[in-house]
């Protein structure tokens, strides 16, 4: 009886999981267009940056060095050479050349369009959709398991036990009394506690009468 109820709940849960996964198989579907576009833009930016880094190393290693003059605590000037340019120095240099950028993120607009731009847009769109669909699956699948399996099994098991054990009908009261009866040890312990409770109540009444 219980095994059959458990099996039925499991079958129905699998059907709902298949139905939900089937909705993800037809086409990329989301009404949250702003989140989808933001996610795609972020992924596309990362893919484009990776492509540029790969192309940069494919052309051979390059070294960028710069020399800066600083003052020490005694007012003496010293020249310091570095192999890289800081963001602030880079932006200052570009502003002096007529490119008033406020953030290094805006440097991407100075790059030429990647030769595989169309392909990268398609890939970023697919990855953006799978990121959104993965978040849906992470939430929905546990909800289906809890609602369709655990809650449904508990409800059906209650109905099955109620009818199968004969709690309803002509002899329902007798059946309930039979299964609701305490074990002999529990019954003896309860009777002993009730007797002690009555003694304490009587003693409390006597003490109240004396004090009053």
N, C-alpha and C. Protein backbone atom coordinates (compact mmCIF):
# COMPACT_ATOMS: atom_id res chain seq x y z
N UNK A 1 0.83 -1.20 0.00
CA UNK A 1 0.00 0.00 0.00
C UNK A 1 0.87 1.26 0.00
N UNK A 2 1.77 1.36 0.97
CA UNK A 2 2.64 2.52 1.06
C UNK A 2 3.59 2.57 -0.13
N UNK A 3 4.10 1.39 -0.54
CA UNK A 3 5.02 1.33 -1.67
C UNK A 3 4.35 1.81 -2.95
N UNK A 4 3.10 1.42 -3.15
CA UNK A 4 2.37 1.85 -4.35
C UNK A 4 2.15 3.37 -4.34
N UNK A 5 1.81 3.89 -3.18
CA UNK A 5 1.62 5.35 -3.07
C UNK A 5 2.91 6.10 -3.35
N UNK A 6 4.02 5.58 -2.83
CA UNK A 6 5.33 6.20 -3.07
C UNK A 6 5.70 6.13 -4.54
N UNK A 7 5.43 5.00 -5.18
CA UNK A 7 5.74 4.84 -6.60
C UNK A 7 4.92 5.80 -7.45
N UNK A 8 3.65 5.96 -7.13
CA UNK A 8 2.78 6.88 -7.88
C UNK A 8 3.27 8.32 -7.76
N UNK A 9 3.64 8.72 -6.57
CA UNK A 9 4.16 10.09 -6.38
C UNK A 9 5.46 10.30 -7.14
N UNK A 10 6.32 9.28 -7.16
CA UNK A 10 7.59 9.39 -7.89
C UNK A 10 7.36 9.52 -9.39
N UNK A 11 6.42 8.73 -9.93
CA UNK A 11 6.11 8.79 -11.37
C UNK A 11 5.58 10.17 -11.74
N UNK A 12 4.67 10.71 -10.96
CA UNK A 12 4.10 12.02 -11.24
C UNK A 12 5.16 13.12 -11.13
N UNK A 13 6.09 12.97 -10.20
CA UNK A 13 7.17 13.95 -10.05
C UNK A 13 8.07 13.94 -11.28
N UNK A 14 8.42 12.74 -11.75
CA UNK A 14 9.26 12.65 -12.96
C UNK A 14 8.56 13.27 -14.16
N UNK A 15 7.26 13.09 -14.28
CA UNK A 15 6.52 13.67 -15.39
C UNK A 15 6.59 15.20 -15.35
N UNK A 16 6.46 15.78 -14.18
CA UNK A 16 6.51 17.23 -14.07
C UNK A 16 7.92 17.75 -14.36
N UNK A 17 8.94 17.02 -13.93
CA UNK A 17 10.31 17.43 -14.22
C UNK A 17 10.57 17.37 -15.73
N UNK A 18 10.08 16.30 -16.39
CA UNK A 18 10.23 16.20 -17.85
C UNK A 18 9.49 17.34 -18.55
N UNK A 19 8.30 17.70 -18.04
CA UNK A 19 7.54 18.78 -18.64
C UNK A 19 8.29 20.10 -18.54
N UNK A 20 8.86 20.37 -17.36
CA UNK A 20 9.61 21.61 -17.18
C UNK A 20 10.84 21.64 -18.07
N UNK A 21 11.59 20.53 -18.10
CA UNK A 21 12.78 20.48 -18.96
C UNK A 21 12.39 20.59 -20.43
N UNK A 22 11.21 20.07 -20.79
CA UNK A 22 10.76 20.17 -22.17
C UNK A 22 10.53 21.60 -22.59
N UNK A 23 10.09 22.45 -21.67
CA UNK A 23 9.89 23.86 -21.99
C UNK A 23 11.21 24.54 -22.32
N UNK A 24 12.30 24.04 -21.75
CA UNK A 24 13.61 24.63 -22.01
C UNK A 24 14.20 24.14 -23.33
N UNK A 25 13.57 23.16 -23.96
CA UNK A 25 14.13 22.55 -25.17
C UNK A 25 13.66 23.23 -26.46
N UNK A 26 12.61 24.03 -26.40
CA UNK A 26 12.04 24.57 -27.63
C UNK A 26 12.79 25.80 -28.13
N UNK A 27 12.92 26.81 -27.32
CA UNK A 27 13.61 28.02 -27.77
C UNK A 27 14.04 28.83 -26.55
N UNK A 28 15.05 29.65 -26.70
CA UNK A 28 15.43 30.51 -25.56
C UNK A 28 14.29 31.46 -25.21
N UNK A 29 13.69 31.25 -24.06
CA UNK A 29 12.51 32.02 -23.68
C UNK A 29 12.74 32.69 -22.34
N UNK A 30 12.65 34.01 -22.33
CA UNK A 30 12.66 34.77 -21.08
C UNK A 30 12.02 36.12 -21.35
N UNK A 31 11.22 36.57 -20.43
CA UNK A 31 10.60 37.90 -20.53
C UNK A 31 11.45 38.97 -19.87
N UNK A 32 12.50 38.55 -19.17
CA UNK A 32 13.39 39.50 -18.51
C UNK A 32 14.47 39.92 -19.50
N UNK A 33 14.07 40.72 -20.49
CA UNK A 33 14.98 41.08 -21.58
C UNK A 33 16.17 41.90 -21.09
N UNK A 34 15.95 42.79 -20.13
CA UNK A 34 17.05 43.63 -19.64
C UNK A 34 18.15 42.78 -19.02
N UNK A 35 17.75 41.80 -18.20
CA UNK A 35 18.75 40.92 -17.58
C UNK A 35 19.46 40.08 -18.64
N UNK A 36 18.69 39.61 -19.63
CA UNK A 36 19.28 38.80 -20.70
C UNK A 36 20.29 39.61 -21.49
N UNK A 37 19.94 40.85 -21.86
CA UNK A 37 20.86 41.68 -22.63
C UNK A 37 22.10 42.06 -21.83
N UNK A 38 21.91 42.36 -20.55
CA UNK A 38 23.05 42.70 -19.70
C UNK A 38 24.01 41.51 -19.58
N UNK A 39 23.44 40.33 -19.39
CA UNK A 39 24.26 39.12 -19.28
C UNK A 39 25.00 38.84 -20.58
N UNK A 40 24.30 38.97 -21.70
CA UNK A 40 24.93 38.75 -23.00
C UNK A 40 26.05 39.76 -23.24
N UNK A 41 25.80 41.02 -22.90
CA UNK A 41 26.81 42.06 -23.10
C UNK A 41 28.07 41.77 -22.28
N UNK A 42 27.87 41.32 -21.05
CA UNK A 42 29.01 41.01 -20.19
C UNK A 42 29.82 39.83 -20.73
N UNK A 43 29.11 38.80 -21.19
CA UNK A 43 29.79 37.63 -21.75
C UNK A 43 30.50 38.00 -23.04
N UNK A 44 29.84 38.78 -23.90
CA UNK A 44 30.44 39.19 -25.17
C UNK A 44 31.71 40.01 -24.94
N UNK A 45 31.67 40.89 -23.94
CA UNK A 45 32.85 41.69 -23.60
C UNK A 45 34.00 40.79 -23.18
N UNK A 46 33.69 39.75 -22.37
CA UNK A 46 34.74 38.83 -21.93
C UNK A 46 35.32 38.02 -23.07
N UNK A 47 34.47 37.55 -23.99
CA UNK A 47 34.93 36.78 -25.14
C UNK A 47 35.80 37.64 -26.06
N UNK A 48 35.36 38.88 -26.29
CA UNK A 48 36.12 39.78 -27.15
C UNK A 48 37.48 40.10 -26.55
N UNK A 49 37.50 40.31 -25.23
CA UNK A 49 38.77 40.59 -24.56
C UNK A 49 39.70 39.40 -24.65
N UNK A 50 39.16 38.20 -24.49
CA UNK A 50 39.98 36.99 -24.59
C UNK A 50 40.56 36.85 -25.99
N UNK A 51 39.75 37.17 -27.02
CA UNK A 51 40.22 37.11 -28.39
C UNK A 51 41.37 38.08 -28.61
N UNK A 52 41.26 39.29 -28.07
CA UNK A 52 42.30 40.28 -28.26
C UNK A 52 43.59 39.89 -27.56
N UNK A 53 43.44 39.29 -26.37
CA UNK A 53 44.64 38.83 -25.65
C UNK A 53 45.33 37.73 -26.43
N UNK A 54 44.54 36.80 -26.98
CA UNK A 54 45.13 35.71 -27.77
C UNK A 54 45.83 36.25 -29.01
N UNK A 55 45.20 37.21 -29.68
CA UNK A 55 45.83 37.80 -30.86
C UNK A 55 47.09 38.58 -30.49
N UNK A 56 47.06 39.20 -29.33
CA UNK A 56 48.22 39.97 -28.87
C UNK A 56 49.43 39.06 -28.67
N UNK A 57 49.22 37.92 -28.02
CA UNK A 57 50.32 36.99 -27.79
C UNK A 57 50.71 36.27 -29.07
N UNK A 58 49.76 36.11 -29.99
CA UNK A 58 50.09 35.46 -31.26
C UNK A 58 51.04 36.32 -32.09
N UNK A 59 50.97 37.64 -31.93
CA UNK A 59 51.87 38.54 -32.66
C UNK A 59 53.26 38.60 -32.05
N UNK A 60 53.45 37.97 -30.91
CA UNK A 60 54.76 37.97 -30.26
C UNK A 60 54.73 38.83 -29.01
N UNK A 61 55.59 38.53 -28.03
CA UNK A 61 55.62 39.29 -26.78
C UNK A 61 56.07 40.72 -27.00
N UNK A 62 55.44 41.61 -26.31
CA UNK A 62 55.81 43.02 -26.37
C UNK A 62 56.08 43.53 -24.97
N UNK A 63 56.83 44.56 -24.87
CA UNK A 63 57.17 45.13 -23.57
C UNK A 63 56.88 46.61 -23.58
N UNK A 64 56.16 47.08 -22.60
CA UNK A 64 55.85 48.49 -22.47
C UNK A 64 56.57 49.03 -21.25
N UNK A 65 57.35 50.03 -21.43
CA UNK A 65 58.07 50.61 -20.30
C UNK A 65 57.85 52.11 -20.27
N UNK A 66 57.92 52.68 -19.11
CA UNK A 66 57.75 54.12 -18.96
C UNK A 66 58.64 54.60 -17.82
N UNK A 67 59.00 55.86 -17.87
CA UNK A 67 59.88 56.45 -16.86
C UNK A 67 59.15 57.60 -16.18
N UNK A 68 59.16 57.60 -14.86
CA UNK A 68 58.48 58.63 -14.09
C UNK A 68 59.49 59.28 -13.14
N UNK A 69 59.31 60.55 -12.88
CA UNK A 69 60.17 61.29 -11.95
C UNK A 69 59.40 61.56 -10.67
N UNK A 70 60.01 61.18 -9.54
CA UNK A 70 59.37 61.37 -8.24
C UNK A 70 60.35 62.07 -7.30
N UNK A 71 59.82 62.68 -6.24
CA UNK A 71 60.63 63.34 -5.23
C UNK A 71 60.65 62.51 -3.96
N UNK A 72 61.79 62.44 -3.32
CA UNK A 72 61.87 61.74 -2.05
C UNK A 72 61.61 62.71 -0.91
N UNK A 73 61.79 62.27 0.34
CA UNK A 73 61.51 63.09 1.51
C UNK A 73 62.44 64.30 1.62
N UNK A 74 63.60 64.25 0.95
CA UNK A 74 64.57 65.35 1.02
C UNK A 74 64.48 66.27 -0.19
N UNK A 75 63.47 66.07 -1.03
CA UNK A 75 63.29 66.93 -2.18
C UNK A 75 64.11 66.55 -3.39
N UNK A 76 64.81 65.44 -3.32
CA UNK A 76 65.63 64.99 -4.43
C UNK A 76 64.75 64.29 -5.47
N UNK A 77 65.03 64.51 -6.75
CA UNK A 77 64.29 63.89 -7.84
C UNK A 77 64.95 62.57 -8.26
N UNK A 78 64.11 61.56 -8.50
CA UNK A 78 64.60 60.26 -8.95
C UNK A 78 63.75 59.79 -10.11
N UNK A 79 64.37 59.09 -11.03
CA UNK A 79 63.66 58.51 -12.17
C UNK A 79 63.39 57.04 -11.92
N UNK A 80 62.12 56.64 -12.12
CA UNK A 80 61.72 55.26 -11.91
C UNK A 80 61.16 54.72 -13.22
N UNK A 81 61.67 53.59 -13.64
CA UNK A 81 61.19 52.95 -14.88
C UNK A 81 60.30 51.77 -14.53
N UNK A 82 59.20 51.64 -15.23
CA UNK A 82 58.28 50.52 -15.03
C UNK A 82 57.99 49.88 -16.37
N UNK A 83 57.64 48.61 -16.34
CA UNK A 83 57.34 47.87 -17.56
C UNK A 83 55.86 47.89 -17.91
N UNK A 84 55.07 48.54 -17.11
CA UNK A 84 53.64 48.62 -17.40
C UNK A 84 53.15 50.04 -17.11
N UNK A 85 52.03 50.38 -17.71
CA UNK A 85 51.46 51.70 -17.54
C UNK A 85 50.22 51.59 -16.68
N UNK A 86 50.13 52.40 -15.62
CA UNK A 86 48.97 52.39 -14.76
C UNK A 86 47.75 52.96 -15.47
N UNK A 87 46.58 52.65 -14.93
CA UNK A 87 45.33 53.12 -15.56
C UNK A 87 45.27 54.64 -15.61
N UNK A 88 45.66 55.30 -14.51
CA UNK A 88 45.58 56.76 -14.47
C UNK A 88 46.51 57.39 -15.49
N UNK A 89 47.74 56.86 -15.59
CA UNK A 89 48.70 57.41 -16.56
C UNK A 89 48.22 57.17 -17.98
N UNK A 90 47.63 56.01 -18.22
CA UNK A 90 47.14 55.69 -19.56
C UNK A 90 46.01 56.62 -19.96
N UNK A 91 45.07 56.86 -19.04
CA UNK A 91 43.94 57.75 -19.33
C UNK A 91 44.41 59.19 -19.52
N UNK A 92 45.42 59.62 -18.71
CA UNK A 92 45.97 60.96 -18.88
C UNK A 92 46.62 61.12 -20.25
N UNK A 93 47.34 60.09 -20.67
CA UNK A 93 48.00 60.15 -21.97
C UNK A 93 46.98 60.23 -23.10
N UNK A 94 45.89 59.47 -22.98
CA UNK A 94 44.86 59.50 -24.01
C UNK A 94 44.13 60.83 -24.03
N UNK A 95 43.86 61.39 -22.85
CA UNK A 95 43.18 62.69 -22.80
C UNK A 95 44.05 63.78 -23.45
N UNK A 96 45.36 63.67 -23.25
CA UNK A 96 46.26 64.65 -23.86
C UNK A 96 46.30 64.52 -25.37
N UNK A 97 45.85 63.35 -25.89
CA UNK A 97 45.81 63.13 -27.34
C UNK A 97 44.41 63.33 -27.91
N UNK A 98 43.51 63.90 -27.10
CA UNK A 98 42.17 64.20 -27.60
C UNK A 98 41.16 63.09 -27.40
N UNK A 99 41.45 62.12 -26.54
CA UNK A 99 40.49 61.03 -26.24
C UNK A 99 40.09 61.14 -24.77
N UNK A 100 39.08 61.92 -24.45
CA UNK A 100 38.69 62.14 -23.04
C UNK A 100 37.92 60.97 -22.45
N UNK A 101 38.63 59.90 -22.14
CA UNK A 101 38.00 58.73 -21.54
C UNK A 101 38.03 58.88 -20.02
N UNK A 102 37.01 58.37 -19.37
CA UNK A 102 36.92 58.46 -17.91
C UNK A 102 37.14 57.12 -17.22
N UNK A 103 37.16 56.03 -18.01
CA UNK A 103 37.33 54.69 -17.43
C UNK A 103 38.04 53.80 -18.44
N UNK A 104 38.81 52.85 -17.91
CA UNK A 104 39.52 51.93 -18.81
C UNK A 104 38.54 51.01 -19.55
N UNK A 105 37.31 50.87 -19.01
CA UNK A 105 36.31 50.06 -19.69
C UNK A 105 35.92 50.65 -21.04
N UNK A 106 36.11 51.98 -21.18
CA UNK A 106 35.77 52.64 -22.44
C UNK A 106 36.82 52.42 -23.52
N UNK A 107 37.92 51.78 -23.16
CA UNK A 107 38.97 51.54 -24.14
C UNK A 107 38.52 50.58 -25.24
N UNK A 108 37.50 49.78 -24.93
CA UNK A 108 37.03 48.81 -25.92
C UNK A 108 36.51 49.48 -27.18
N UNK A 109 36.02 50.72 -27.05
CA UNK A 109 35.49 51.43 -28.22
C UNK A 109 36.59 51.82 -29.19
N UNK A 110 37.86 51.80 -28.74
CA UNK A 110 38.97 52.15 -29.61
C UNK A 110 39.43 50.99 -30.46
N UNK A 111 38.98 49.79 -30.15
CA UNK A 111 39.39 48.60 -30.89
C UNK A 111 38.55 48.43 -32.15
N UNK A 112 39.16 47.85 -33.13
CA UNK A 112 38.43 47.53 -34.35
C UNK A 112 37.49 46.36 -34.09
N UNK A 113 36.46 46.26 -34.94
CA UNK A 113 35.51 45.16 -34.80
C UNK A 113 36.22 43.84 -35.07
N UNK A 114 36.01 42.88 -34.18
CA UNK A 114 36.63 41.56 -34.34
C UNK A 114 36.11 40.89 -35.61
N UNK A 115 36.98 40.17 -36.27
CA UNK A 115 36.57 39.51 -37.51
C UNK A 115 35.52 38.44 -37.26
N UNK A 116 35.44 37.95 -36.04
CA UNK A 116 34.44 36.94 -35.68
C UNK A 116 33.36 37.55 -34.78
N UNK A 117 33.07 38.82 -34.98
CA UNK A 117 32.10 39.52 -34.15
C UNK A 117 30.72 38.84 -34.20
N UNK A 118 30.27 38.46 -35.40
CA UNK A 118 28.95 37.83 -35.53
C UNK A 118 28.89 36.51 -34.77
N UNK A 119 29.97 35.73 -34.90
CA UNK A 119 30.02 34.44 -34.19
C UNK A 119 30.05 34.64 -32.68
N UNK A 120 30.79 35.65 -32.23
CA UNK A 120 30.87 35.92 -30.79
C UNK A 120 29.53 36.37 -30.23
N UNK A 121 28.75 37.12 -31.03
CA UNK A 121 27.41 37.54 -30.60
C UNK A 121 26.52 36.33 -30.42
N UNK A 122 26.58 35.38 -31.35
CA UNK A 122 25.76 34.16 -31.25
C UNK A 122 26.16 33.35 -30.03
N UNK A 123 27.45 33.16 -29.82
CA UNK A 123 27.93 32.38 -28.68
C UNK A 123 27.54 33.05 -27.37
N UNK A 124 27.69 34.39 -27.29
CA UNK A 124 27.34 35.10 -26.06
C UNK A 124 25.85 35.01 -25.79
N UNK A 125 25.02 35.03 -26.84
CA UNK A 125 23.58 34.88 -26.65
C UNK A 125 23.21 33.52 -26.09
N UNK A 126 23.87 32.48 -26.60
CA UNK A 126 23.61 31.11 -26.11
C UNK A 126 24.05 30.98 -24.65
N UNK A 127 25.25 31.47 -24.35
CA UNK A 127 25.75 31.37 -22.98
C UNK A 127 24.90 32.18 -22.00
N UNK A 128 24.40 33.35 -22.46
CA UNK A 128 23.54 34.15 -21.60
C UNK A 128 22.24 33.42 -21.30
N UNK A 129 21.66 32.78 -22.31
CA UNK A 129 20.43 32.03 -22.08
C UNK A 129 20.66 30.86 -21.12
N UNK A 130 21.76 30.13 -21.30
CA UNK A 130 22.01 29.00 -20.42
C UNK A 130 22.29 29.45 -18.99
N UNK A 131 22.86 30.63 -18.82
CA UNK A 131 23.05 31.14 -17.45
C UNK A 131 21.71 31.42 -16.80
N UNK A 132 20.77 32.00 -17.55
CA UNK A 132 19.44 32.27 -17.02
C UNK A 132 18.67 30.98 -16.78
N UNK A 133 18.71 30.06 -17.75
CA UNK A 133 17.97 28.80 -17.60
C UNK A 133 18.53 27.96 -16.47
N UNK A 134 19.84 28.03 -16.25
CA UNK A 134 20.44 27.27 -15.14
C UNK A 134 19.93 27.77 -13.80
N UNK A 135 19.78 29.09 -13.67
CA UNK A 135 19.24 29.64 -12.42
C UNK A 135 17.79 29.19 -12.22
N UNK A 136 17.03 29.10 -13.32
CA UNK A 136 15.65 28.62 -13.20
C UNK A 136 15.63 27.17 -12.72
N UNK A 137 16.47 26.34 -13.32
CA UNK A 137 16.49 24.92 -12.97
C UNK A 137 16.90 24.74 -11.52
N UNK A 138 17.87 25.53 -11.06
CA UNK A 138 18.35 25.41 -9.67
C UNK A 138 17.20 25.63 -8.68
N UNK A 139 16.26 26.53 -9.03
CA UNK A 139 15.14 26.82 -8.13
C UNK A 139 13.94 25.90 -8.37
N UNK A 140 13.60 25.67 -9.65
CA UNK A 140 12.35 24.98 -9.98
C UNK A 140 12.40 23.50 -9.65
N UNK A 141 13.49 22.82 -9.97
CA UNK A 141 13.56 21.37 -9.74
C UNK A 141 13.37 21.02 -8.26
N UNK A 142 14.05 21.68 -7.31
CA UNK A 142 13.78 21.38 -5.90
C UNK A 142 12.34 21.69 -5.50
N UNK A 143 11.74 22.74 -6.10
CA UNK A 143 10.34 23.06 -5.79
C UNK A 143 9.42 21.95 -6.27
N UNK A 144 9.68 21.40 -7.45
CA UNK A 144 8.86 20.30 -7.97
C UNK A 144 8.99 19.08 -7.08
N UNK A 145 10.22 18.77 -6.67
CA UNK A 145 10.45 17.59 -5.81
C UNK A 145 9.70 17.75 -4.49
N UNK A 146 9.75 18.95 -3.91
CA UNK A 146 9.09 19.15 -2.62
C UNK A 146 7.57 19.13 -2.76
N UNK A 147 7.06 19.85 -3.80
CA UNK A 147 5.61 19.96 -3.95
C UNK A 147 5.00 18.71 -4.54
N UNK A 148 5.56 18.21 -5.65
CA UNK A 148 4.96 17.09 -6.36
C UNK A 148 5.27 15.76 -5.71
N UNK A 149 6.40 15.65 -5.02
CA UNK A 149 6.77 14.35 -4.44
C UNK A 149 6.48 14.29 -2.94
N UNK A 150 7.13 15.15 -2.17
CA UNK A 150 7.01 15.04 -0.71
C UNK A 150 5.60 15.40 -0.25
N UNK A 151 5.11 16.57 -0.66
CA UNK A 151 3.78 17.01 -0.21
C UNK A 151 2.68 16.10 -0.75
N UNK A 152 2.78 15.73 -2.03
CA UNK A 152 1.76 14.86 -2.61
C UNK A 152 1.79 13.48 -1.96
N UNK A 153 2.97 12.94 -1.71
CA UNK A 153 3.07 11.63 -1.08
C UNK A 153 2.47 11.66 0.32
N UNK A 154 2.73 12.73 1.07
CA UNK A 154 2.17 12.84 2.42
C UNK A 154 0.65 12.92 2.38
N UNK A 155 0.10 13.67 1.41
CA UNK A 155 -1.34 13.81 1.29
C UNK A 155 -1.99 12.48 0.90
N UNK A 156 -1.41 11.82 -0.12
CA UNK A 156 -1.98 10.55 -0.58
C UNK A 156 -1.83 9.47 0.49
N UNK A 157 -0.71 9.48 1.21
CA UNK A 157 -0.52 8.49 2.26
C UNK A 157 -1.55 8.68 3.37
N UNK A 158 -1.87 9.92 3.70
CA UNK A 158 -2.89 10.18 4.71
C UNK A 158 -4.25 9.64 4.26
N UNK A 159 -4.58 9.86 2.97
CA UNK A 159 -5.85 9.35 2.46
C UNK A 159 -5.89 7.83 2.43
N UNK A 160 -4.77 7.23 2.01
CA UNK A 160 -4.71 5.77 1.92
C UNK A 160 -4.82 5.14 3.30
N UNK A 161 -4.10 5.69 4.27
CA UNK A 161 -4.15 5.13 5.62
C UNK A 161 -5.53 5.32 6.24
N UNK A 162 -6.15 6.47 5.95
CA UNK A 162 -7.47 6.73 6.52
C UNK A 162 -8.49 5.72 6.03
N UNK A 163 -8.49 5.43 4.72
CA UNK A 163 -9.45 4.48 4.16
C UNK A 163 -9.00 3.05 4.36
N UNK A 164 -7.68 2.79 4.19
CA UNK A 164 -7.18 1.42 4.29
C UNK A 164 -7.26 0.85 5.69
N UNK A 165 -7.09 1.67 6.71
CA UNK A 165 -7.16 1.20 8.10
C UNK A 165 -8.56 1.26 8.67
N UNK A 166 -9.50 1.78 7.88
CA UNK A 166 -10.89 1.78 8.32
C UNK A 166 -11.22 2.81 9.36
N UNK A 167 -10.60 4.00 9.28
CA UNK A 167 -10.89 5.05 10.23
C UNK A 167 -12.24 5.70 9.97
N UNK A 168 -12.77 5.52 8.76
CA UNK A 168 -14.06 6.07 8.42
C UNK A 168 -15.07 4.93 8.23
N UNK A 169 -16.35 5.24 8.37
CA UNK A 169 -17.37 4.22 8.16
C UNK A 169 -18.06 3.80 9.44
N UNK A 170 -18.74 2.67 9.36
CA UNK A 170 -19.56 2.20 10.48
C UNK A 170 -18.76 1.89 11.72
N UNK A 171 -17.57 1.30 11.54
CA UNK A 171 -16.75 0.91 12.69
C UNK A 171 -15.53 1.82 12.85
N UNK A 172 -15.64 3.04 12.34
CA UNK A 172 -14.51 3.96 12.39
C UNK A 172 -14.09 4.31 13.81
N UNK A 173 -15.09 4.55 14.69
CA UNK A 173 -14.77 4.92 16.07
C UNK A 173 -14.02 3.80 16.78
N UNK A 174 -14.51 2.57 16.61
CA UNK A 174 -13.85 1.43 17.26
C UNK A 174 -12.42 1.26 16.73
N UNK A 175 -12.24 1.48 15.42
CA UNK A 175 -10.90 1.34 14.84
C UNK A 175 -9.97 2.40 15.38
N UNK A 176 -10.46 3.64 15.47
CA UNK A 176 -9.64 4.71 16.01
C UNK A 176 -9.26 4.44 17.46
N UNK A 177 -10.21 3.93 18.23
CA UNK A 177 -9.93 3.61 19.63
C UNK A 177 -8.91 2.49 19.74
N UNK A 178 -8.96 1.54 18.77
CA UNK A 178 -8.03 0.43 18.78
C UNK A 178 -6.60 0.89 18.52
N UNK A 179 -6.43 1.72 17.46
CA UNK A 179 -5.09 2.18 17.11
C UNK A 179 -4.62 3.34 17.99
N UNK A 180 -5.57 4.05 18.59
CA UNK A 180 -5.20 5.18 19.45
C UNK A 180 -4.96 4.79 20.89
N UNK A 181 -5.02 3.52 21.19
CA UNK A 181 -4.84 3.05 22.57
C UNK A 181 -3.36 3.03 22.94
N UNK A 182 -3.07 3.46 24.16
CA UNK A 182 -1.69 3.47 24.63
C UNK A 182 -1.17 2.06 24.87
N UNK A 183 0.13 1.94 24.83
CA UNK A 183 0.78 0.70 25.24
C UNK A 183 0.58 0.52 26.76
N UNK A 184 0.56 -0.72 27.23
CA UNK A 184 0.32 -0.96 28.67
C UNK A 184 1.26 -0.18 29.58
N UNK A 185 2.55 -0.12 29.20
CA UNK A 185 3.50 0.60 30.05
C UNK A 185 3.17 2.09 30.09
N UNK A 186 2.80 2.66 28.94
CA UNK A 186 2.45 4.08 28.87
C UNK A 186 1.18 4.35 29.68
N UNK A 187 0.23 3.42 29.61
CA UNK A 187 -1.02 3.59 30.34
C UNK A 187 -0.77 3.60 31.84
N UNK A 188 0.06 2.69 32.32
CA UNK A 188 0.38 2.62 33.76
C UNK A 188 1.09 3.90 34.19
N UNK A 189 2.02 4.38 33.37
CA UNK A 189 2.77 5.59 33.72
C UNK A 189 1.85 6.81 33.75
N UNK A 190 0.92 6.88 32.81
CA UNK A 190 -0.02 8.01 32.79
C UNK A 190 -0.91 7.98 34.03
N UNK A 191 -1.42 6.80 34.39
CA UNK A 191 -2.28 6.68 35.57
C UNK A 191 -1.53 7.08 36.83
N UNK A 192 -0.25 6.71 36.90
CA UNK A 192 0.56 7.08 38.07
C UNK A 192 0.75 8.59 38.14
N UNK A 193 1.01 9.23 36.99
CA UNK A 193 1.19 10.68 36.96
C UNK A 193 -0.11 11.40 37.31
N UNK A 194 -1.24 10.88 36.84
CA UNK A 194 -2.53 11.49 37.16
C UNK A 194 -2.82 11.38 38.65
N UNK A 195 -2.48 10.23 39.24
CA UNK A 195 -2.70 10.05 40.69
C UNK A 195 -1.84 11.04 41.48
N UNK A 196 -0.59 11.21 41.10
CA UNK A 196 0.29 12.16 41.79
C UNK A 196 -0.20 13.58 41.60
N UNK A 197 -0.72 13.89 40.42
CA UNK A 197 -1.24 15.22 40.17
C UNK A 197 -2.44 15.52 41.06
N UNK A 198 -3.31 14.52 41.27
CA UNK A 198 -4.47 14.71 42.14
C UNK A 198 -4.03 14.94 43.59
N UNK A 199 -3.00 14.19 44.03
CA UNK A 199 -2.50 14.35 45.40
C UNK A 199 -1.94 15.76 45.61
N UNK A 200 -1.17 16.23 44.60
CA UNK A 200 -0.60 17.57 44.70
C UNK A 200 -1.69 18.64 44.70
N UNK A 201 -2.73 18.43 43.91
CA UNK A 201 -3.84 19.39 43.87
C UNK A 201 -4.55 19.45 45.22
N UNK A 202 -4.77 18.28 45.83
CA UNK A 202 -5.42 18.25 47.15
C UNK A 202 -4.54 18.94 48.19
N UNK A 203 -3.22 18.69 48.13
CA UNK A 203 -2.31 19.30 49.09
C UNK A 203 -2.30 20.82 48.92
N UNK A 204 -2.35 21.28 47.67
CA UNK A 204 -2.38 22.72 47.41
C UNK A 204 -3.65 23.36 47.94
N UNK A 205 -4.78 22.62 47.83
CA UNK A 205 -6.03 23.14 48.35
C UNK A 205 -5.99 23.26 49.87
N UNK A 206 -5.40 22.24 50.51
CA UNK A 206 -5.31 22.26 51.99
C UNK A 206 -4.44 23.44 52.44
N UNK A 207 -3.28 23.63 51.77
CA UNK A 207 -2.39 24.71 52.14
C UNK A 207 -3.05 26.09 51.92
N UNK A 208 -3.81 26.18 50.86
CA UNK A 208 -4.50 27.45 50.60
C UNK A 208 -5.52 27.76 51.67
N UNK A 209 -6.23 26.68 52.16
CA UNK A 209 -7.22 26.90 53.22
C UNK A 209 -6.56 27.31 54.52
N UNK A 210 -5.39 26.74 54.83
CA UNK A 210 -4.72 27.09 56.08
C UNK A 210 -4.19 28.51 56.02
N UNK A 211 -3.61 28.90 54.91
CA UNK A 211 -3.03 30.24 54.78
C UNK A 211 -4.12 31.32 54.78
N UNK A 212 -5.27 30.99 54.25
CA UNK A 212 -6.34 31.96 54.22
C UNK A 212 -7.04 32.06 55.57
